[in-house]
Amino acid sequence: MKKRHTTDYPKAYRYRRIVRAKRYIDEHFNESIDLEAISEEANFSKFNFCDFL
């Protein structure tokens, strides 16, 4: 089975996931959050989420 890379997903799908991550950050800005929590909210692995940064 071929592993999909984040660029294989349609742009709209990736955009929605990034928006979910941004909303999570906005809602928890006053808390201690980390990359793992943000990437989980967007349903990305930490590695794939970092591809967008």
C-alpha atoms as a PDB file:
ATOM      1  CA  MET A   1       0.000   0.000   0.000  1.00  0.00           C
ATOM      2  CA  LYS A   2       1.407   3.378  -1.011  1.00  0.00           C
ATOM      3  CA  LYS A   3       1.569   5.950   1.759  1.00  0.00           C
ATOM      4  CA  ARG A   4      -0.173   9.185   0.827  1.00  0.00           C
ATOM      5  CA  HIS A   5       1.678  12.425   1.178  1.00  0.00           C
ATOM      6  CA  THR A   6      -0.165  15.562   2.280  1.00  0.00           C
ATOM      7  CA  THR A   7       0.118  17.028  -1.217  1.00  0.00           C
ATOM      8  CA  ASP A   8      -1.998  14.121  -2.522  1.00  0.00           C
ATOM      9  CA  TYR A   9      -5.115  15.477  -0.797  1.00  0.00           C
ATOM     10  CA  PRO A  10      -7.391  18.023  -2.499  1.00  0.00           C
ATOM     11  CA  LYS A  11      -6.668  21.619  -1.501  1.00  0.00           C
ATOM     12  CA  ALA A  12     -10.115  22.171   0.038  1.00  0.00           C
ATOM     13  CA  TYR A  13      -9.677  19.139   2.304  1.00  0.00           C
ATOM     14  CA  ARG A  14      -6.259  20.319   3.494  1.00  0.00           C
ATOM     15  CA  TYR A  15      -7.588  23.851   3.975  1.00  0.00           C
ATOM     16  CA  ARG A  16     -10.425  22.649   6.234  1.00  0.00           C
ATOM     17  CA  ARG A  17      -7.957  20.718   8.368  1.00  0.00           C
ATOM     18  CA  ILE A  18      -5.651  23.718   8.715  1.00  0.00           C
ATOM     19  CA  VAL A  19      -8.639  25.878   9.681  1.00  0.00           C
ATOM     20  CA  ARG A  20      -9.488  23.349  12.400  1.00  0.00           C
ATOM     21  CA  ALA A  21      -5.941  23.655  13.724  1.00  0.00           C
ATOM     22  CA  LYS A  22      -6.139  27.458  13.684  1.00  0.00           C
ATOM     23  CA  ARG A  23      -9.458  27.413  15.519  1.00  0.00           C
ATOM     24  CA  TYR A  24      -7.956  25.123  18.132  1.00  0.00           C
ATOM     25  CA  ILE A  25      -5.050  27.530  18.603  1.00  0.00           C
ATOM     26  CA  ASP A  26      -7.447  30.495  18.827  1.00  0.00           C
ATOM     27  CA  GLU A  27      -9.616  28.736  21.412  1.00  0.00           C
ATOM     28  CA  HIS A  28      -6.662  27.572  23.540  1.00  0.00           C
ATOM     29  CA  PHE A  29      -4.231  30.454  23.124  1.00  0.00           C
ATOM     30  CA  ASN A  30      -4.086  31.081  26.850  1.00  0.00           C
ATOM     31  CA  GLU A  31      -3.207  27.445  27.619  1.00  0.00           C
ATOM     32  CA  SER A  32      -0.034  25.511  27.157  1.00  0.00           C
ATOM     33  CA  ILE A  33      -0.543  23.724  23.833  1.00  0.00           C
ATOM     34  CA  ASP A  34       1.937  21.770  21.778  1.00  0.00           C
ATOM     35  CA  LEU A  35       2.378  20.548  18.242  1.00  0.00           C
ATOM     36  CA  GLU A  36       0.908  17.149  19.057  1.00  0.00           C
ATOM     37  CA  ALA A  37      -2.382  18.630  20.307  1.00  0.00           C
ATOM     38  CA  ILE A  38      -2.697  20.938  17.310  1.00  0.00           C
ATOM     39  CA  SER A  39      -1.877  18.254  14.761  1.00  0.00           C
ATOM     40  CA  GLU A  40      -4.317  15.822  16.391  1.00  0.00           C
ATOM     41  CA  GLU A  41      -7.082  18.410  16.144  1.00  0.00           C
ATOM     42  CA  ALA A  42      -6.388  18.727  12.412  1.00  0.00           C
ATOM     43  CA  ASN A  43      -6.078  14.940  11.961  1.00  0.00           C
ATOM     44  CA  PHE A  44      -2.496  15.190  10.758  1.00  0.00           C
ATOM     45  CA  SER A  45       0.575  13.484  12.056  1.00  0.00           C
ATOM     46  CA  LYS A  46       3.076  15.899  13.556  1.00  0.00           C
ATOM     47  CA  PHE A  47       5.342  15.280  10.577  1.00  0.00           C
ATOM     48  CA  ASN A  48       2.662  16.060   7.987  1.00  0.00           C
ATOM     49  CA  PHE A  49       1.432  19.076   9.907  1.00  0.00           C
ATOM     50  CA  CYS A  50       4.962  20.507   9.864  1.00  0.00           C
ATOM     51  CA  ASP A  51       4.959  20.243   6.056  1.00  0.00           C
ATOM     52  CA  PHE A  52       2.509  23.156   6.074  1.00  0.00           C
ATOM     53  CA  LEU A  53       4.592  25.405   8.295  1.00  0.00           C
END
